[in-house]
Amino acid sequence: MNAFIAELLGTATIIAFGNGVVANVVLNKTKGNNGGLIAITFGWSMAVFIGVYMAAASSGAHLNSAVTIGLASLGKFEWSLVPQYLLAQLLGAMLGQFLVFVIYKDHFYATADGATQRACFCTDPAIRNPTQNFLTEFLATFIFMLAVLFLSKGEHALGSFDALPVALVVLGIGLSFGGPTGYAINPARDLGPRIMYAILPMKNKVSADWEYAWVPIVGPILGAYLAGAVYTTLF
């Protein structure tokens, strides 16, 4: 695969598995209904493991707009390649979300609460406080990006399990810091599905909440940038 296709398919896989587990847990009449936060965080970590494993050899498996911009700011990635990576990630997130919609279509229609439907697409804070919500996404992504940069220094290959350390970081982020905002830590992960929520036909739809959408975009980008600056200072 070329890098564009790898980023697109890898991101689509992450969203399909990640938001798929959210749909399984929160939508009505599913086999996994009321599975809880533990199921969601483990599902997202496995989603990242599969996506990274798929794309690593072809694109480096960024699969996250904040990671792409953070690496470019570090000089570890060419700025000229950033636009195509960001586009691939956005389109991949939209594709992955469409698959979730197709698979759970009957359950979306069986769920009368529009906010619950939207939760299967994009993030929404438990307590709406834009400043605090931004800080949460900023710091969670800072921790995530810094961990990824340190992991990349590893000298011992794990073969097919090379993707596992990043997946475990995502698991830890979700368990520890996922409560306030739903831990987007990835602009494409939130923006692509939010666009799909706005355009897909569903009963009982509510607003796509574009007023909040800047938080899971700006917070992760700035968090990744700061992580890169700290890492550069340390090394």
C-alpha atoms as a PDB file:
ATOM      1  CA  MET A   1       0.000   0.000   0.000  1.00  0.00           C
ATOM      2  CA  ASN A   2       1.059   3.572  -0.497  1.00  0.00           C
ATOM      3  CA  ALA A   3       1.051   5.838   2.538  1.00  0.00           C
ATOM      4  CA  PHE A   4      -2.261   7.546   1.706  1.00  0.00           C
ATOM      5  CA  ILE A   5      -4.175   4.273   1.428  1.00  0.00           C
ATOM      6  CA  ALA A   6      -2.473   2.917   4.545  1.00  0.00           C
ATOM      7  CA  GLU A   7      -3.481   5.957   6.602  1.00  0.00           C
ATOM      8  CA  LEU A   8      -7.012   5.848   5.210  1.00  0.00           C
ATOM      9  CA  LEU A   9      -7.555   2.134   5.867  1.00  0.00           C
ATOM     10  CA  GLY A  10      -5.781   2.190   9.220  1.00  0.00           C
ATOM     11  CA  THR A  11      -7.862   5.116  10.467  1.00  0.00           C
ATOM     12  CA  ALA A  12     -11.045   3.550   9.092  1.00  0.00           C
ATOM     13  CA  THR A  13     -10.246   0.385  11.020  1.00  0.00           C
ATOM     14  CA  ILE A  14      -9.671   2.293  14.249  1.00  0.00           C
ATOM     15  CA  ILE A  15     -12.997   4.133  13.958  1.00  0.00           C
ATOM     16  CA  ALA A  16     -14.935   1.052  12.858  1.00  0.00           C
ATOM     17  CA  PHE A  17     -13.725  -1.003  15.817  1.00  0.00           C
ATOM     18  CA  GLY A  18     -13.605   1.899  18.287  1.00  0.00           C
ATOM     19  CA  ASN A  19     -16.982   3.473  17.646  1.00  0.00           C
ATOM     20  CA  GLY A  20     -18.329   0.010  16.935  1.00  0.00           C
ATOM     21  CA  VAL A  21     -17.751  -0.950  20.557  1.00  0.00           C
ATOM     22  CA  VAL A  22     -19.345   2.319  21.686  1.00  0.00           C
ATOM     23  CA  ALA A  23     -22.434   1.520  19.604  1.00  0.00           C
ATOM     24  CA  ASN A  24     -22.521  -2.019  21.002  1.00  0.00           C
ATOM     25  CA  VAL A  25     -22.466  -0.667  24.552  1.00  0.00           C
ATOM     26  CA  VAL A  26     -24.817   2.321  24.406  1.00  0.00           C
ATOM     27  CA  LEU A  27     -27.417   1.616  21.713  1.00  0.00           C
ATOM     28  CA  ASN A  28     -30.664  -0.152  22.522  1.00  0.00           C
ATOM     29  CA  LYS A  29     -31.234  -3.863  21.906  1.00  0.00           C
ATOM     30  CA  THR A  30     -27.600  -4.804  21.224  1.00  0.00           C
ATOM     31  CA  LYS A  31     -25.934  -7.878  22.698  1.00  0.00           C
ATOM     32  CA  GLY A  32     -23.419  -5.644  24.478  1.00  0.00           C
ATOM     33  CA  ASN A  33     -25.826  -3.043  25.853  1.00  0.00           C
ATOM     34  CA  ASN A  34     -24.657  -1.449  29.129  1.00  0.00           C
ATOM     35  CA  GLY A  35     -21.198  -3.008  28.819  1.00  0.00           C
ATOM     36  CA  GLY A  36     -19.635   0.063  30.418  1.00  0.00           C
ATOM     37  CA  LEU A  37     -16.411   2.050  30.227  1.00  0.00           C
ATOM     38  CA  ILE A  38     -14.123  -0.983  30.562  1.00  0.00           C
ATOM     39  CA  ALA A  39     -15.556  -2.551  27.407  1.00  0.00           C
ATOM     40  CA  ILE A  40     -15.211   0.732  25.521  1.00  0.00           C
ATOM     41  CA  THR A  41     -11.607   1.360  26.559  1.00  0.00           C
ATOM     42  CA  PHE A  42     -10.528  -2.179  25.735  1.00  0.00           C
ATOM     43  CA  GLY A  43     -12.339  -1.965  22.402  1.00  0.00           C
ATOM     44  CA  TRP A  44     -10.571   1.270  21.492  1.00  0.00           C
ATOM     45  CA  SER A  45      -7.172  -0.119  22.481  1.00  0.00           C
ATOM     46  CA  MET A  46      -7.710  -3.187  20.291  1.00  0.00           C
ATOM     47  CA  ALA A  47      -8.857  -0.881  17.495  1.00  0.00           C
ATOM     48  CA  VAL A  48      -5.568   1.024  17.719  1.00  0.00           C
ATOM     49  CA  PHE A  49      -3.574  -2.218  17.822  1.00  0.00           C
ATOM     50  CA  ILE A  50      -5.197  -3.494  14.618  1.00  0.00           C
ATOM     51  CA  GLY A  51      -4.993  -0.149  12.810  1.00  0.00           C
ATOM     52  CA  VAL A  52      -1.342   0.417  13.678  1.00  0.00           C
ATOM     53  CA  TYR A  53      -0.439  -3.153  12.737  1.00  0.00           C
ATOM     54  CA  MET A  54      -2.114  -2.714   9.343  1.00  0.00           C
ATOM     55  CA  ALA A  55      -0.520   0.622   8.439  1.00  0.00           C
ATOM     56  CA  ALA A  56       2.886   0.630  10.136  1.00  0.00           C
ATOM     57  CA  ALA A  57       4.943  -0.779   7.284  1.00  0.00           C
ATOM     58  CA  SER A  58       3.438   1.526   4.650  1.00  0.00           C
ATOM     59  CA  SER A  59       2.934   4.892   6.355  1.00  0.00           C
ATOM     60  CA  GLY A  60       4.433   4.714   9.839  1.00  0.00           C
ATOM     61  CA  ALA A  61       0.875   4.391  11.163  1.00  0.00           C
ATOM     62  CA  HIS A  62       0.240   7.937  12.330  1.00  0.00           C
ATOM     63  CA  LEU A  63      -3.557   7.448  12.087  1.00  0.00           C
ATOM     64  CA  ASN A  64      -3.920  10.593  14.165  1.00  0.00           C
ATOM     65  CA  SER A  65      -3.793  14.169  12.911  1.00  0.00           C
ATOM     66  CA  ALA A  66      -2.176  15.389  16.120  1.00  0.00           C
ATOM     67  CA  VAL A  67       0.602  12.802  15.772  1.00  0.00           C
ATOM     68  CA  THR A  68       1.239  13.822  12.160  1.00  0.00           C
ATOM     69  CA  ILE A  69       1.472  17.521  13.037  1.00  0.00           C
ATOM     70  CA  GLY A  70       3.512  16.772  16.172  1.00  0.00           C
ATOM     71  CA  LEU A  71       6.058  14.696  14.247  1.00  0.00           C
ATOM     72  CA  ALA A  72       6.329  17.372  11.562  1.00  0.00           C
ATOM     73  CA  SER A  73       6.967  20.034  14.194  1.00  0.00           C
ATOM     74  CA  LEU A  74       9.771  17.834  15.542  1.00  0.00           C
ATOM     75  CA  GLY A  75      11.372  17.539  12.125  1.00  0.00           C
ATOM     76  CA  LYS A  76      10.664  13.800  12.087  1.00  0.00           C
ATOM     77  CA  PHE A  77       8.161  14.111   9.231  1.00  0.00           C
ATOM     78  CA  GLU A  78       8.080  16.274   6.104  1.00  0.00           C
ATOM     79  CA  TRP A  79       5.600  19.140   6.204  1.00  0.00           C
ATOM     80  CA  SER A  80       4.940  18.611   2.486  1.00  0.00           C
ATOM     81  CA  LEU A  81       3.390  15.224   3.318  1.00  0.00           C
ATOM     82  CA  VAL A  82       1.174  16.530   6.120  1.00  0.00           C
ATOM     83  CA  PRO A  83      -1.843  17.549   3.959  1.00  0.00           C
ATOM     84  CA  GLN A  84      -2.193  14.127   2.339  1.00  0.00           C
ATOM     85  CA  TYR A  85      -1.892  12.364   5.690  1.00  0.00           C
ATOM     86  CA  LEU A  86      -4.517  14.627   7.266  1.00  0.00           C
ATOM     87  CA  LEU A  87      -6.878  14.093   4.333  1.00  0.00           C
ATOM     88  CA  ALA A  88      -6.389  10.323   4.436  1.00  0.00           C
ATOM     89  CA  GLN A  89      -7.085  10.254   8.162  1.00  0.00           C
ATOM     90  CA  LEU A  90     -10.238  12.358   7.816  1.00  0.00           C
ATOM     91  CA  LEU A  91     -11.615  10.269   4.958  1.00  0.00           C
ATOM     92  CA  GLY A  92     -10.679   7.077   6.785  1.00  0.00           C
ATOM     93  CA  ALA A  93     -12.516   8.234   9.909  1.00  0.00           C
ATOM     94  CA  MET A  94     -15.605   9.001   7.819  1.00  0.00           C
ATOM     95  CA  LEU A  95     -15.426   5.597   6.113  1.00  0.00           C
ATOM     96  CA  GLY A  96     -15.012   3.747   9.391  1.00  0.00           C
ATOM     97  CA  GLN A  97     -17.966   5.610  10.885  1.00  0.00           C
ATOM     98  CA  PHE A  98     -20.127   4.766   7.880  1.00  0.00           C
ATOM     99  CA  LEU A  99     -19.411   1.077   8.480  1.00  0.00           C
ATOM    100  CA  VAL A 100     -20.534   1.464  12.103  1.00  0.00           C
ATOM    101  CA  PHE A 101     -23.739   3.109  10.919  1.00  0.00           C
ATOM    102  CA  VAL A 102     -24.485   0.349   8.405  1.00  0.00           C
ATOM    103  CA  ILE A 103     -23.830  -2.450  10.907  1.00  0.00           C
ATOM    104  CA  TYR A 104     -25.854  -0.852  13.728  1.00  0.00           C
ATOM    105  CA  LYS A 105     -28.512   0.846  11.588  1.00  0.00           C
ATOM    106  CA  ASP A 106     -31.465  -0.958  13.215  1.00  0.00           C
ATOM    107  CA  HIS A 107     -30.118  -0.170  16.669  1.00  0.00           C
ATOM    108  CA  PHE A 108     -29.709   3.504  15.853  1.00  0.00           C
ATOM    109  CA  TYR A 109     -33.358   3.565  14.861  1.00  0.00           C
ATOM    110  CA  ALA A 110     -34.309   1.657  18.019  1.00  0.00           C
ATOM    111  CA  THR A 111     -32.581   4.280  20.183  1.00  0.00           C
ATOM    112  CA  ALA A 112     -34.831   7.272  20.706  1.00  0.00           C
ATOM    113  CA  ASP A 113     -32.306   9.493  22.485  1.00  0.00           C
ATOM    114  CA  GLY A 114     -30.425  11.616  19.956  1.00  0.00           C
ATOM    115  CA  ALA A 115     -27.534  12.354  22.325  1.00  0.00           C
ATOM    116  CA  THR A 116     -26.940   8.620  22.766  1.00  0.00           C
ATOM    117  CA  GLN A 117     -26.895   8.175  19.007  1.00  0.00           C
ATOM    118  CA  ARG A 118     -24.391  11.009  18.655  1.00  0.00           C
ATOM    119  CA  ALA A 119     -22.151   9.438  21.309  1.00  0.00           C
ATOM    120  CA  CYS A 120     -21.501   6.606  18.842  1.00  0.00           C
ATOM    121  CA  PHE A 121     -20.003   9.156  16.459  1.00  0.00           C
ATOM    122  CA  CYS A 122     -18.132  11.903  18.286  1.00  0.00           C
ATOM    123  CA  THR A 123     -17.076  12.922  21.764  1.00  0.00           C
ATOM    124  CA  ASP A 124     -19.142  14.906  24.230  1.00  0.00           C
ATOM    125  CA  PRO A 125     -18.009  16.128  27.661  1.00  0.00           C
ATOM    126  CA  ALA A 126     -19.545  14.682  30.812  1.00  0.00           C
ATOM    127  CA  ILE A 127     -19.536  18.197  32.310  1.00  0.00           C
ATOM    128  CA  ARG A 128     -19.534  20.970  29.726  1.00  0.00           C
ATOM    129  CA  ASN A 129     -16.823  23.454  30.610  1.00  0.00           C
ATOM    130  CA  PRO A 130     -14.937  24.355  27.406  1.00  0.00           C
ATOM    131  CA  THR A 131     -11.825  25.558  29.207  1.00  0.00           C
ATOM    132  CA  GLN A 132     -11.561  22.450  31.366  1.00  0.00           C
ATOM    133  CA  ASN A 133     -12.559  20.187  28.459  1.00  0.00           C
ATOM    134  CA  PHE A 134      -9.815  21.732  26.332  1.00  0.00           C
ATOM    135  CA  LEU A 135      -7.285  21.244  29.118  1.00  0.00           C
ATOM    136  CA  THR A 136      -8.277  17.590  29.454  1.00  0.00           C
ATOM    137  CA  GLU A 137      -7.804  16.885  25.734  1.00  0.00           C
ATOM    138  CA  PHE A 138      -4.603  18.930  25.694  1.00  0.00           C
ATOM    139  CA  LEU A 139      -3.004  17.087  28.625  1.00  0.00           C
ATOM    140  CA  ALA A 140      -4.253  13.629  27.625  1.00  0.00           C
ATOM    141  CA  THR A 141      -2.774  14.055  24.148  1.00  0.00           C
ATOM    142  CA  PHE A 142       0.436  15.495  25.597  1.00  0.00           C
ATOM    143  CA  ILE A 143       0.844  12.332  27.697  1.00  0.00           C
ATOM    144  CA  PHE A 144      -0.082  10.106  24.761  1.00  0.00           C
ATOM    145  CA  MET A 145       2.315  11.781  22.323  1.00  0.00           C
ATOM    146  CA  LEU A 146       5.185  11.872  24.791  1.00  0.00           C
ATOM    147  CA  ALA A 147       4.685   8.174  25.507  1.00  0.00           C
ATOM    148  CA  VAL A 148       4.652   7.365  21.793  1.00  0.00           C
ATOM    149  CA  LEU A 149       7.894   9.300  21.265  1.00  0.00           C
ATOM    150  CA  PHE A 150       9.602   7.387  24.070  1.00  0.00           C
ATOM    151  CA  LEU A 151       8.252   4.085  22.760  1.00  0.00           C
ATOM    152  CA  SER A 152       9.778   4.822  19.369  1.00  0.00           C
ATOM    153  CA  LYS A 153      13.218   4.711  21.011  1.00  0.00           C
ATOM    154  CA  GLY A 154      12.839   1.028  21.827  1.00  0.00           C
ATOM    155  CA  GLU A 155      15.676  -1.142  20.545  1.00  0.00           C
ATOM    156  CA  HIS A 156      13.929  -4.507  20.697  1.00  0.00           C
ATOM    157  CA  ALA A 157      11.405  -5.462  18.008  1.00  0.00           C
ATOM    158  CA  LEU A 158       8.319  -7.382  19.022  1.00  0.00           C
ATOM    159  CA  GLY A 159       7.453  -8.697  15.582  1.00  0.00           C
ATOM    160  CA  SER A 160       3.694  -8.691  15.016  1.00  0.00           C
ATOM    161  CA  PHE A 161       3.285  -7.188  18.496  1.00  0.00           C
ATOM    162  CA  ASP A 162       5.142  -3.953  17.664  1.00  0.00           C
ATOM    163  CA  ALA A 163       1.732  -2.223  17.650  1.00  0.00           C
ATOM    164  CA  LEU A 164       0.905  -3.413  21.170  1.00  0.00           C
ATOM    165  CA  PRO A 165       2.727  -0.713  23.204  1.00  0.00           C
ATOM    166  CA  VAL A 166       0.775   2.115  21.537  1.00  0.00           C
ATOM    167  CA  ALA A 167      -2.469   0.212  22.068  1.00  0.00           C
ATOM    168  CA  LEU A 168      -1.651  -0.164  25.753  1.00  0.00           C
ATOM    169  CA  VAL A 169      -0.982   3.573  26.043  1.00  0.00           C
ATOM    170  CA  VAL A 170      -4.421   4.236  24.545  1.00  0.00           C
ATOM    171  CA  LEU A 171      -5.921   1.763  27.015  1.00  0.00           C
ATOM    172  CA  GLY A 172      -4.261   3.573  29.908  1.00  0.00           C
ATOM    173  CA  ILE A 173      -5.349   6.993  28.647  1.00  0.00           C
ATOM    174  CA  GLY A 174      -8.934   5.803  28.338  1.00  0.00           C
ATOM    175  CA  LEU A 175      -9.070   4.202  31.762  1.00  0.00           C
ATOM    176  CA  SER A 176      -7.368   7.099  33.528  1.00  0.00           C
ATOM    177  CA  PHE A 177      -8.405  10.218  31.624  1.00  0.00           C
ATOM    178  CA  GLY A 178     -11.355   9.165  29.463  1.00  0.00           C
ATOM    179  CA  GLY A 179     -14.085  10.176  31.884  1.00  0.00           C
ATOM    180  CA  PRO A 180     -14.301  13.969  31.406  1.00  0.00           C
ATOM    181  CA  THR A 181     -14.407  14.204  27.578  1.00  0.00           C
ATOM    182  CA  GLY A 182     -14.342  10.712  26.100  1.00  0.00           C
ATOM    183  CA  TYR A 183     -10.626  11.098  25.201  1.00  0.00           C
ATOM    184  CA  ALA A 184     -10.640  12.015  21.522  1.00  0.00           C
ATOM    185  CA  ILE A 185      -6.837  12.644  21.553  1.00  0.00           C
ATOM    186  CA  ASN A 186      -7.123  12.641  17.761  1.00  0.00           C
ATOM    187  CA  PRO A 187      -8.763  15.408  15.686  1.00  0.00           C
ATOM    188  CA  ALA A 188      -9.663  13.069  12.808  1.00  0.00           C
ATOM    189  CA  ARG A 189     -11.276  10.591  15.199  1.00  0.00           C
ATOM    190  CA  ASP A 190     -13.769  13.262  16.267  1.00  0.00           C
ATOM    191  CA  LEU A 191     -14.166  15.432  13.169  1.00  0.00           C
ATOM    192  CA  GLY A 192     -14.734  12.667  10.598  1.00  0.00           C
ATOM    193  CA  PRO A 193     -17.508  10.921  12.567  1.00  0.00           C
ATOM    194  CA  ARG A 194     -19.045  14.287  13.528  1.00  0.00           C
ATOM    195  CA  ILE A 195     -19.348  15.150   9.836  1.00  0.00           C
ATOM    196  CA  MET A 196     -20.972  11.765   9.219  1.00  0.00           C
ATOM    197  CA  TYR A 197     -23.430  12.344  12.056  1.00  0.00           C
ATOM    198  CA  ALA A 198     -24.409  15.645  10.457  1.00  0.00           C
ATOM    199  CA  ILE A 199     -25.103  14.133   7.023  1.00  0.00           C
ATOM    200  CA  LEU A 200     -26.409  10.605   7.668  1.00  0.00           C
ATOM    201  CA  PRO A 201     -30.194  10.150   7.820  1.00  0.00           C
ATOM    202  CA  MET A 202     -31.398   9.081  11.280  1.00  0.00           C
ATOM    203  CA  LYS A 203     -34.496   9.473  13.404  1.00  0.00           C
ATOM    204  CA  ASN A 204     -34.363  11.612  16.533  1.00  0.00           C
ATOM    205  CA  LYS A 205     -31.174  13.409  15.500  1.00  0.00           C
ATOM    206  CA  VAL A 206     -29.921  16.264  17.619  1.00  0.00           C
ATOM    207  CA  SER A 207     -27.366  18.930  16.747  1.00  0.00           C
ATOM    208  CA  ALA A 208     -23.880  17.781  15.742  1.00  0.00           C
ATOM    209  CA  ASP A 209     -22.680  20.219  18.427  1.00  0.00           C
ATOM    210  CA  TRP A 210     -20.248  22.143  16.269  1.00  0.00           C
ATOM    211  CA  GLU A 211     -19.847  24.637  19.124  1.00  0.00           C
ATOM    212  CA  TYR A 212     -17.845  21.987  20.983  1.00  0.00           C
ATOM    213  CA  ALA A 213     -16.033  20.539  17.955  1.00  0.00           C
ATOM    214  CA  TRP A 214     -12.999  22.839  18.299  1.00  0.00           C
ATOM    215  CA  VAL A 215     -12.036  21.225  21.640  1.00  0.00           C
ATOM    216  CA  PRO A 216     -11.128  17.741  20.297  1.00  0.00           C
ATOM    217  CA  ILE A 217      -9.339  19.377  17.356  1.00  0.00           C
ATOM    218  CA  VAL A 218      -7.296  22.169  18.902  1.00  0.00           C
ATOM    219  CA  GLY A 219      -6.597  20.465  22.243  1.00  0.00           C
ATOM    220  CA  PRO A 220      -4.909  17.364  20.770  1.00  0.00           C
ATOM    221  CA  ILE A 221      -2.906  19.341  18.197  1.00  0.00           C
ATOM    222  CA  LEU A 222      -1.467  21.698  20.811  1.00  0.00           C
ATOM    223  CA  GLY A 223      -0.894  18.817  23.241  1.00  0.00           C
ATOM    224  CA  ALA A 224       1.078  16.890  20.631  1.00  0.00           C
ATOM    225  CA  TYR A 225       3.068  20.006  19.755  1.00  0.00           C
ATOM    226  CA  LEU A 226       4.019  20.582  23.382  1.00  0.00           C
ATOM    227  CA  ALA A 227       5.027  16.940  23.768  1.00  0.00           C
ATOM    228  CA  GLY A 228       7.331  17.354  20.799  1.00  0.00           C
ATOM    229  CA  ALA A 229       8.866  20.485  22.328  1.00  0.00           C
ATOM    230  CA  VAL A 230       9.443  18.745  25.664  1.00  0.00           C
ATOM    231  CA  TYR A 231      10.929  15.700  23.966  1.00  0.00           C
ATOM    232  CA  THR A 232      13.266  17.895  21.933  1.00  0.00           C
ATOM    233  CA  THR A 233      14.393  19.650  25.110  1.00  0.00           C
ATOM    234  CA  LEU A 234      15.096  16.347  26.845  1.00  0.00           C
ATOM    235  CA  PHE A 235      16.950  14.901  23.855  1.00  0.00           C
END
